[in-house]
PDB file of N, CA and C in Angstrom:
ATOM      1  N   MET A   1      -7.484 -16.537  -7.457  1.00  0.00           N
ATOM      2  CA  MET A   1      -7.029 -16.017  -7.105  1.00  0.00           C
ATOM      3  C   MET A   1      -5.300 -16.471  -7.336  1.00  0.00           C
ATOM      4  N   LYS A   2      -4.336 -15.780  -8.103  1.00  0.00           N
ATOM      5  CA  LYS A   2      -3.369 -16.150  -8.753  1.00  0.00           C
ATOM      6  C   LYS A   2      -2.451 -15.603  -7.857  1.00  0.00           C
ATOM      7  N   TYR A   3      -1.606 -16.107  -6.992  1.00  0.00           N
ATOM      8  CA  TYR A   3      -0.320 -15.610  -6.453  1.00  0.00           C
ATOM      9  C   TYR A   3       0.936 -15.724  -6.941  1.00  0.00           C
ATOM     10  N   SER A   4       2.151 -14.378  -6.911  1.00  0.00           N
ATOM     11  CA  SER A   4       3.301 -15.321  -7.796  1.00  0.00           C
ATOM     12  C   SER A   4       4.165 -15.244  -6.633  1.00  0.00           C
ATOM     13  N   THR A   5       3.610 -15.017  -5.022  1.00  0.00           N
ATOM     14  CA  THR A   5       4.247 -15.243  -3.746  1.00  0.00           C
ATOM     15  C   THR A   5       4.586 -16.626  -3.383  1.00  0.00           C
ATOM     16  N   GLN A   6       5.380 -16.897  -2.478  1.00  0.00           N
ATOM     17  CA  GLN A   6       5.922 -18.278  -2.532  1.00  0.00           C
ATOM     18  C   GLN A   6       4.418 -18.584  -1.295  1.00  0.00           C
ATOM     19  N   VAL A   7       4.379 -20.035  -1.250  1.00  0.00           N
ATOM     20  CA  VAL A   7       3.277 -20.477  -0.413  1.00  0.00           C
ATOM     21  C   VAL A   7       3.930 -21.508   0.310  1.00  0.00           C
ATOM     22  N   LYS A   8       2.901 -21.228   1.518  1.00  0.00           N
ATOM     23  CA  LYS A   8       4.025 -22.356   2.388  1.00  0.00           C
ATOM     24  C   LYS A   8       2.478 -22.588   3.328  1.00  0.00           C
ATOM     25  N   PRO A   9       2.449 -23.863   3.926  1.00  0.00           N
ATOM     26  CA  PRO A   9       1.085 -24.323   5.031  1.00  0.00           C
ATOM     27  C   PRO A   9       1.558 -23.483   6.340  1.00  0.00           C
ATOM     28  N   ILE A  10       0.615 -23.590   7.294  1.00  0.00           N
ATOM     29  CA  ILE A  10       1.329 -22.662   8.261  1.00  0.00           C
ATOM     30  C   ILE A  10       1.812 -23.828   9.331  1.00  0.00           C
ATOM     31  N   SER A  11       2.047 -25.057   8.887  1.00  0.00           N
ATOM     32  CA  SER A  11       3.201 -25.523   9.817  1.00  0.00           C
ATOM     33  C   SER A  11       4.681 -25.539   9.546  1.00  0.00           C
ATOM     34  N   TYR A  12       4.356 -24.923   8.605  1.00  0.00           N
ATOM     35  CA  TYR A  12       5.953 -24.497   8.176  1.00  0.00           C
ATOM     36  C   TYR A  12       6.195 -22.912   8.898  1.00  0.00           C
ATOM     37  N   LEU A  13       5.213 -21.990   8.710  1.00  0.00           N
ATOM     38  CA  LEU A  13       5.388 -21.060   9.274  1.00  0.00           C
ATOM     39  C   LEU A  13       5.136 -20.927  11.170  1.00  0.00           C
ATOM     40  N   LYS A  14       5.163 -21.980  11.145  1.00  0.00           N
ATOM     41  CA  LYS A  14       5.515 -22.083  13.100  1.00  0.00           C
ATOM     42  C   LYS A  14       7.031 -22.502  13.145  1.00  0.00           C
ATOM     43  N   SER A  15       7.594 -23.752  12.671  1.00  0.00           N
ATOM     44  CA  SER A  15       8.281 -24.359  12.489  1.00  0.00           C
ATOM     45  C   SER A  15       9.691 -23.735  11.690  1.00  0.00           C
ATOM     46  N   HIS A  16       9.822 -22.844  11.349  1.00  0.00           N
ATOM     47  CA  HIS A  16      10.518 -21.900  10.772  1.00  0.00           C
ATOM     48  C   HIS A  16      10.369 -20.549  10.628  1.00  0.00           C
ATOM     49  N   ALA A  17       9.690 -20.190  11.517  1.00  0.00           N
ATOM     50  CA  ALA A  17       9.327 -18.622  11.850  1.00  0.00           C
ATOM     51  C   ALA A  17      10.785 -17.499  11.412  1.00  0.00           C
ATOM     52  N   ALA A  18      12.194 -17.988  11.833  1.00  0.00           N
ATOM     53  CA  ALA A  18      13.517 -17.479  12.401  1.00  0.00           C
ATOM     54  C   ALA A  18      13.359 -16.677  10.952  1.00  0.00           C
ATOM     55  N   GLU A  19      13.247 -18.172  10.165  1.00  0.00           N
ATOM     56  CA  GLU A  19      13.764 -18.429   8.738  1.00  0.00           C
ATOM     57  C   GLU A  19      13.089 -17.171   7.901  1.00  0.00           C
ATOM     58  N   ILE A  20      12.150 -17.715   8.175  1.00  0.00           N
ATOM     59  CA  ILE A  20      11.068 -16.757   7.054  1.00  0.00           C
ATOM     60  C   ILE A  20      10.998 -15.633   7.530  1.00  0.00           C
ATOM     61  N   VAL A  21      11.151 -14.748   9.072  1.00  0.00           N
ATOM     62  CA  VAL A  21      11.825 -13.211   9.213  1.00  0.00           C
ATOM     63  C   VAL A  21      12.858 -12.487   7.968  1.00  0.00           C
ATOM     64  N   SER A  22      14.067 -13.405   8.274  1.00  0.00           N
ATOM     65  CA  SER A  22      15.117 -13.433   7.673  1.00  0.00           C
ATOM     66  C   SER A  22      15.155 -13.151   6.675  1.00  0.00           C
ATOM     67  N   THR A  23      14.270 -14.255   5.367  1.00  0.00           N
ATOM     68  CA  THR A  23      13.591 -14.152   3.781  1.00  0.00           C
ATOM     69  C   THR A  23      13.683 -13.275   3.366  1.00  0.00           C
ATOM     70  N   LEU A  24      11.808 -13.009   4.444  1.00  0.00           N
ATOM     71  CA  LEU A  24      11.145 -11.654   3.846  1.00  0.00           C
ATOM     72  C   LEU A  24      11.962 -10.394   3.632  1.00  0.00           C
ATOM     73  N   SER A  25      13.056 -10.552   5.350  1.00  0.00           N
ATOM     74  CA  SER A  25      12.826  -8.938   4.670  1.00  0.00           C
ATOM     75  C   SER A  25      14.296  -8.640   4.157  1.00  0.00           C
ATOM     76  N   GLN A  26      15.252  -9.858   3.306  1.00  0.00           N
ATOM     77  CA  GLN A  26      16.113  -9.568   1.979  1.00  0.00           C
ATOM     78  C   GLN A  26      15.557  -9.833   0.876  1.00  0.00           C
ATOM     79  N   THR A  27      14.398 -10.485   0.532  1.00  0.00           N
ATOM     80  CA  THR A  27      13.497 -10.620  -0.253  1.00  0.00           C
ATOM     81  C   THR A  27      12.635  -9.535  -0.521  1.00  0.00           C
ATOM     82  N   ARG A  28      11.914  -9.261   0.503  1.00  0.00           N
ATOM     83  CA  ARG A  28      10.683  -8.139   0.366  1.00  0.00           C
ATOM     84  C   ARG A  28       9.630  -8.835  -0.319  1.00  0.00           C
ATOM     85  N   GLN A  29       9.511 -10.568  -0.344  1.00  0.00           N
ATOM     86  CA  GLN A  29       8.569 -10.523  -1.171  1.00  0.00           C
ATOM     87  C   GLN A  29       7.614 -11.255  -0.099  1.00  0.00           C
ATOM     88  N   PRO A  30       6.806 -11.095  -0.425  1.00  0.00           N
ATOM     89  CA  PRO A  30       5.613 -11.493   0.632  1.00  0.00           C
ATOM     90  C   PRO A  30       5.049 -13.069   0.901  1.00  0.00           C
ATOM     91  N   LEU A  31       5.187 -14.080   1.876  1.00  0.00           N
ATOM     92  CA  LEU A  31       4.703 -14.884   1.689  1.00  0.00           C
ATOM     93  C   LEU A  31       3.353 -15.220   2.144  1.00  0.00           C
ATOM     94  N   LEU A  32       1.860 -16.241   1.333  1.00  0.00           N
ATOM     95  CA  LEU A  32       1.362 -16.857   1.481  1.00  0.00           C
ATOM     96  C   LEU A  32       1.530 -18.215   2.373  1.00  0.00           C
ATOM     97  N   ILE A  33       0.283 -18.119   3.446  1.00  0.00           N
ATOM     98  CA  ILE A  33       0.191 -19.151   4.448  1.00  0.00           C
ATOM     99  C   ILE A  33      -1.404 -19.585   4.684  1.00  0.00           C
ATOM    100  N   THR A  34      -0.633 -21.000   3.898  1.00  0.00           N
ATOM    101  CA  THR A  34      -2.428 -22.015   3.570  1.00  0.00           C
ATOM    102  C   THR A  34      -2.464 -22.756   4.527  1.00  0.00           C
ATOM    103  N   GLN A  35      -4.051 -22.827   5.199  1.00  0.00           N
ATOM    104  CA  GLN A  35      -4.381 -23.726   6.292  1.00  0.00           C
ATOM    105  C   GLN A  35      -5.317 -24.914   5.695  1.00  0.00           C
ATOM    106  N   ASN A  36      -4.964 -26.022   5.499  1.00  0.00           N
ATOM    107  CA  ASN A  36      -5.674 -27.162   5.322  1.00  0.00           C
ATOM    108  C   ASN A  36      -6.169 -26.657   3.628  1.00  0.00           C
ATOM    109  N   GLY A  37      -4.632 -26.068   2.572  1.00  0.00           N
ATOM    110  CA  GLY A  37      -4.986 -26.297   1.385  1.00  0.00           C
ATOM    111  C   GLY A  37      -5.615 -24.873   0.913  1.00  0.00           C
ATOM    112  N   GLU A  38      -5.838 -23.966   2.262  1.00  0.00           N
ATOM    113  CA  GLU A  38      -7.064 -22.893   1.921  1.00  0.00           C
ATOM    114  C   GLU A  38      -6.448 -21.709   2.193  1.00  0.00           C
ATOM    115  N   ALA A  39      -5.766 -20.039   1.431  1.00  0.00           N
ATOM    116  CA  ALA A  39      -5.167 -19.273   1.121  1.00  0.00           C
ATOM    117  C   ALA A  39      -5.487 -18.944   3.269  1.00  0.00           C
ATOM    118  N   LYS A  40      -4.795 -18.028   4.142  1.00  0.00           N
ATOM    119  CA  LYS A  40      -5.060 -17.826   5.299  1.00  0.00           C
ATOM    120  C   LYS A  40      -4.531 -16.129   5.314  1.00  0.00           C
ATOM    121  N   LEU A  41      -3.327 -16.473   5.046  1.00  0.00           N
ATOM    122  CA  LEU A  41      -2.826 -14.742   5.677  1.00  0.00           C
ATOM    123  C   LEU A  41      -2.132 -15.042   4.787  1.00  0.00           C
ATOM    124  N   VAL A  42      -1.233 -13.562   4.713  1.00  0.00           N
ATOM    125  CA  VAL A  42      -0.139 -13.372   4.035  1.00  0.00           C
ATOM    126  C   VAL A  42       1.321 -12.730   4.814  1.00  0.00           C
ATOM    127  N   VAL A  43       2.412 -13.083   5.365  1.00  0.00           N
ATOM    128  CA  VAL A  43       3.416 -12.280   5.825  1.00  0.00           C
ATOM    129  C   VAL A  43       3.945 -11.708   4.999  1.00  0.00           C
ATOM    130  N   MET A  44       4.603 -10.605   5.805  1.00  0.00           N
ATOM    131  CA  MET A  44       5.100  -9.734   4.791  1.00  0.00           C
ATOM    132  C   MET A  44       6.079  -8.595   5.563  1.00  0.00           C
ATOM    133  N   ASP A  45       8.031  -7.966   5.652  1.00  0.00           N
ATOM    134  CA  ASP A  45       8.567  -7.567   6.140  1.00  0.00           C
ATOM    135  C   ASP A  45       7.860  -6.193   6.605  1.00  0.00           C
ATOM    136  N   VAL A  46       7.773  -5.544   7.339  1.00  0.00           N
ATOM    137  CA  VAL A  46       7.874  -4.290   7.978  1.00  0.00           C
ATOM    138  C   VAL A  46       8.046  -3.331   6.664  1.00  0.00           C
ATOM    139  N   LYS A  47       8.775  -3.113   5.827  1.00  0.00           N
ATOM    140  CA  LYS A  47       9.473  -1.906   4.807  1.00  0.00           C
ATOM    141  C   LYS A  47       8.264  -1.876   3.920  1.00  0.00           C
ATOM    142  N   SER A  48       7.654  -3.166   3.218  1.00  0.00           N
ATOM    143  CA  SER A  48       7.022  -3.184   2.093  1.00  0.00           C
ATOM    144  C   SER A  48       5.401  -3.079   2.573  1.00  0.00           C
ATOM    145  N   TYR A  49       5.237  -3.427   3.765  1.00  0.00           N
ATOM    146  CA  TYR A  49       3.940  -3.111   4.801  1.00  0.00           C
ATOM    147  C   TYR A  49       3.766  -1.542   4.739  1.00  0.00           C
ATOM    148  N   GLU A  50       5.014  -1.075   5.126  1.00  0.00           N
ATOM    149  CA  GLU A  50       5.059   0.291   5.386  1.00  0.00           C
ATOM    150  C   GLU A  50       4.241   1.252   3.357  1.00  0.00           C
ATOM    151  N   ALA A  51       5.678   0.469   2.350  1.00  0.00           N
ATOM    152  CA  ALA A  51       5.914   1.211   1.270  1.00  0.00           C
ATOM    153  C   ALA A  51       3.787   0.362   0.556  1.00  0.00           C
ATOM    154  N   GLN A  52       3.653  -0.190   1.090  1.00  0.00           N
ATOM    155  CA  GLN A  52       1.961  -0.447   0.714  1.00  0.00           C
ATOM    156  C   GLN A  52       0.690   0.320   1.391  1.00  0.00           C
ATOM    157  N   GLU A  53       1.468  -0.216   2.905  1.00  0.00           N
ATOM    158  CA  GLU A  53       0.314   1.468   3.314  1.00  0.00           C
ATOM    159  C   GLU A  53       0.432   2.558   2.768  1.00  0.00           C
ATOM    160  N   GLU A  54       1.923   3.094   2.298  1.00  0.00           N
ATOM    161  CA  GLU A  54       2.284   5.065   1.414  1.00  0.00           C
ATOM    162  C   GLU A  54       1.507   5.251   0.352  1.00  0.00           C
ATOM    163  N   THR A  55       1.490   3.633  -0.571  1.00  0.00           N
ATOM    164  CA  THR A  55       0.641   3.576  -1.969  1.00  0.00           C
ATOM    165  C   THR A  55      -0.761   3.679  -1.696  1.00  0.00           C
ATOM    166  N   PHE A  56      -1.358   3.611  -0.655  1.00  0.00           N
ATOM    167  CA  PHE A  56      -2.676   3.155  -0.717  1.00  0.00           C
ATOM    168  C   PHE A  56      -3.056   4.671  -0.114  1.00  0.00           C
ATOM    169  N   ALA A  57      -2.794   4.931   0.839  1.00  0.00           N
ATOM    170  CA  ALA A  57      -3.013   7.052   0.911  1.00  0.00           C
ATOM    171  C   ALA A  57      -3.081   7.545  -0.866  1.00  0.00           C
ATOM    172  N   LEU A  58      -1.948   7.445  -1.519  1.00  0.00           N
ATOM    173  CA  LEU A  58      -1.743   8.007  -2.392  1.00  0.00           C
ATOM    174  C   LEU A  58      -2.590   7.597  -3.092  1.00  0.00           C
ATOM    175  N   LEU A  59      -3.459   6.847  -3.295  1.00  0.00           N
ATOM    176  CA  LEU A  59      -4.313   6.325  -4.054  1.00  0.00           C
ATOM    177  C   LEU A  59      -5.749   6.470  -3.630  1.00  0.00           C
ATOM    178  N   LYS A  60      -5.824   6.670  -2.168  1.00  0.00           N
ATOM    179  CA  LYS A  60      -7.201   7.268  -1.594  1.00  0.00           C
ATOM    180  C   LYS A  60      -7.657   8.548  -2.052  1.00  0.00           C
ATOM    181  N   LEU A  61      -6.364   9.389  -1.693  1.00  0.00           N
ATOM    182  CA  LEU A  61      -6.117  11.356  -2.134  1.00  0.00           C
ATOM    183  C   LEU A  61      -6.079  11.273  -3.369  1.00  0.00           C
ATOM    184  N   LEU A  62      -5.793   9.898  -3.937  1.00  0.00           N
ATOM    185  CA  LEU A  62      -6.585  10.797  -5.784  1.00  0.00           C
ATOM    186  C   LEU A  62      -7.822  10.421  -5.966  1.00  0.00           C
ATOM    187  N   ALA A  63      -8.414   9.534  -5.586  1.00  0.00           N
ATOM    188  CA  ALA A  63      -9.736   8.581  -5.457  1.00  0.00           C
ATOM    189  C   ALA A  63     -10.642  10.392  -4.864  1.00  0.00           C
ATOM    190  N   LEU A  64      -9.871  10.916  -3.745  1.00  0.00           N
ATOM    191  CA  LEU A  64     -10.570  11.839  -2.962  1.00  0.00           C
ATOM    192  C   LEU A  64     -10.700  12.888  -4.482  1.00  0.00           C
ATOM    193  N   GLY A  65      -9.686  13.204  -5.004  1.00  0.00           N
ATOM    194  CA  GLY A  65      -9.627  14.332  -5.851  1.00  0.00           C
ATOM    195  C   GLY A  65     -10.127  13.754  -7.060  1.00  0.00           C
ATOM    196  N   ARG A  66     -10.302  12.501  -7.094  1.00  0.00           N
ATOM    197  CA  ARG A  66     -11.010  12.706  -8.500  1.00  0.00           C
ATOM    198  C   ARG A  66     -12.892  12.781  -8.433  1.00  0.00           C
ATOM    199  N   ARG A  67     -12.832  12.026  -7.454  1.00  0.00           N
ATOM    200  CA  ARG A  67     -14.553  12.823  -6.919  1.00  0.00           C
ATOM    201  C   ARG A  67     -14.737  13.697  -6.786  1.00  0.00           C
ATOM    202  N   GLU A  68     -14.108  14.727  -5.852  1.00  0.00           N
ATOM    203  CA  GLU A  68     -13.892  16.610  -6.097  1.00  0.00           C
ATOM    204  C   GLU A  68     -14.124  16.786  -7.175  1.00  0.00           C
ATOM    205  N   MET A  69     -13.490  16.579  -7.960  1.00  0.00           N
ATOM    206  CA  MET A  69     -13.163  16.953  -9.669  1.00  0.00           C
ATOM    207  C   MET A  69     -14.827  16.439 -10.691  1.00  0.00           C
ATOM    208  N   ASP A  70     -15.333  14.723 -10.095  1.00  0.00           N
ATOM    209  CA  ASP A  70     -16.524  14.535 -10.851  1.00  0.00           C
ATOM    210  C   ASP A  70     -17.776  15.238 -10.155  1.00  0.00           C
ATOM    211  N   GLN A  71     -17.219  16.213  -9.305  1.00  0.00           N
ATOM    212  CA  GLN A  71     -18.819  16.996  -8.268  1.00  0.00           C
ATOM    213  C   GLN A  71     -18.887  18.351  -8.466  1.00  0.00           C
ATOM    214  N   GLY A  72     -17.125  18.535  -9.446  1.00  0.00           N
ATOM    215  CA  GLY A  72     -17.175  19.839  -9.864  1.00  0.00           C
ATOM    216  C   GLY A  72     -16.916  20.623  -8.655  1.00  0.00           C
ATOM    217  N   ARG A  73     -16.002  19.821  -7.542  1.00  0.00           N
ATOM    218  CA  ARG A  73     -15.510  21.139  -6.445  1.00  0.00           C
ATOM    219  C   ARG A  73     -14.361  21.458  -7.007  1.00  0.00           C
ATOM    220  N   PHE A  74     -14.193  22.299  -8.190  1.00  0.00           N
ATOM    221  CA  PHE A  74     -12.500  22.405  -8.422  1.00  0.00           C
ATOM    222  C   PHE A  74     -12.604  24.171  -8.803  1.00  0.00           C
ATOM    223  N   ARG A  75     -11.386  24.358  -8.656  1.00  0.00           N
ATOM    224  CA  ARG A  75     -11.225  25.733  -9.178  1.00  0.00           C
ATOM    225  C   ARG A  75     -10.119  26.204 -10.856  1.00  0.00           C
ATOM    226  N   ASP A  76     -10.207  26.863 -11.572  1.00  0.00           N
ATOM    227  CA  ASP A  76      -9.256  27.360 -12.877  1.00  0.00           C
ATOM    228  C   ASP A  76      -7.851  27.046 -11.904  1.00  0.00           C
ATOM    229  N   VAL A  77      -6.398  26.342 -12.263  1.00  0.00           N
ATOM    230  CA  VAL A  77      -5.177  27.444 -11.794  1.00  0.00           C
ATOM    231  C   VAL A  77      -5.175  28.651 -12.050  1.00  0.00           C
ATOM    232  N   GLU A  78      -5.255  29.022 -13.037  1.00  0.00           N
ATOM    233  CA  GLU A  78      -4.957  30.420 -13.692  1.00  0.00           C
ATOM    234  C   GLU A  78      -5.841  31.138 -12.234  1.00  0.00           C
ATOM    235  N   ASP A  79      -6.953  31.147 -11.424  1.00  0.00           N
ATOM    236  CA  ASP A  79      -7.790  31.589 -10.519  1.00  0.00           C
ATOM    237  C   ASP A  79      -6.720  31.273  -9.698  1.00  0.00           C
ATOM    238  N   VAL A  80      -6.523  30.466  -8.917  1.00  0.00           N
ATOM    239  CA  VAL A  80      -5.582  29.987  -8.208  1.00  0.00           C
ATOM    240  C   VAL A  80      -4.149  30.897  -7.842  1.00  0.00           C
ATOM    241  N   PHE A  81      -3.568  31.201  -9.020  1.00  0.00           N
ATOM    242  CA  PHE A  81      -2.323  31.167  -8.675  1.00  0.00           C
ATOM    243  C   PHE A  81      -2.628  33.065  -8.695  1.00  0.00           C
ATOM    244  N   THR A  82      -3.627  33.374  -9.355  1.00  0.00           N
ATOM    245  CA  THR A  82      -3.590  34.778  -9.357  1.00  0.00           C
ATOM    246  C   THR A  82      -4.683  35.194  -7.787  1.00  0.00           C
ATOM    247  N   GLU A  83      -4.605  34.008  -7.154  1.00  0.00           N
ATOM    248  CA  GLU A  83      -4.803  34.862  -5.375  1.00  0.00           C
ATOM    249  C   GLU A  83      -3.660  34.606  -4.869  1.00  0.00           C
ATOM    250  N   ILE A  84      -2.744  33.324  -5.764  1.00  0.00           N
ATOM    251  CA  ILE A  84      -1.988  33.515  -4.342  1.00  0.00           C
ATOM    252  C   ILE A  84      -0.838  34.522  -4.814  1.00  0.00           C
ATOM    253  N   ASP A  85      -0.752  35.576  -6.216  1.00  0.00           N
ATOM    254  CA  ASP A  85       0.036  36.388  -6.127  1.00  0.00           C
ATOM    255  C   ASP A  85      -0.667  37.845  -5.546  1.00  0.00           C
ATOM    256  N   GLY A  86      -1.895  38.061  -5.381  1.00  0.00           N
ATOM    257  CA  GLY A  86      -2.716  39.046  -4.398  1.00  0.00           C
ATOM    258  C   GLY A  86      -2.022  38.500  -2.893  1.00  0.00           C
ATOM    259  N   LEU A  87      -1.459  37.816  -2.225  1.00  0.00           N
ATOM    260  CA  LEU A  87      -1.871  37.428  -1.244  1.00  0.00           C
ATOM    261  C   LEU A  87      -0.367  38.737  -0.505  1.00  0.00           C
ATOM    262  N   ASP A  88      -0.688  38.671   0.537  1.00  0.00           N
ATOM    263  CA  ASP A  88       0.196  39.875   0.600  1.00  0.00           C
ATOM    264  C   ASP A  88       1.390  38.715   2.085  1.00  0.00           C
ATOM    265  N   PRO A  89       2.495  38.435   1.797  1.00  0.00           N
ATOM    266  CA  PRO A  89       3.348  37.320   2.283  1.00  0.00           C
ATOM    267  C   PRO A  89       3.581  38.762   3.549  1.00  0.00           C
ATOM    268  N   LYS A  90       3.853  37.591   4.577  1.00  0.00           N
ATOM    269  CA  LYS A  90       4.349  38.356   5.879  1.00  0.00           C
ATOM    270  C   LYS A  90       5.530  37.663   6.780  1.00  0.00           C
TER     271      LYS A  90
END
């Protein structure tokens, strides 16, 4: 597995927590933490995490839409607009 992020041992996380928070907030680059030379967790700032969650949500919607299209569950756009034009505004 390739990582373009900074890699630090867990001891660094323990002794530099405040510095890590500051750096991640500024750079918005995640930090990979290792334990016994093995990747164990990724630390990231909240804004990056929220952006990632939004991206995942959009990708999920796209996948669901694609699945519905593959199952033939869609309508022709002209039919939808014709139906909308025929609605009585309230």
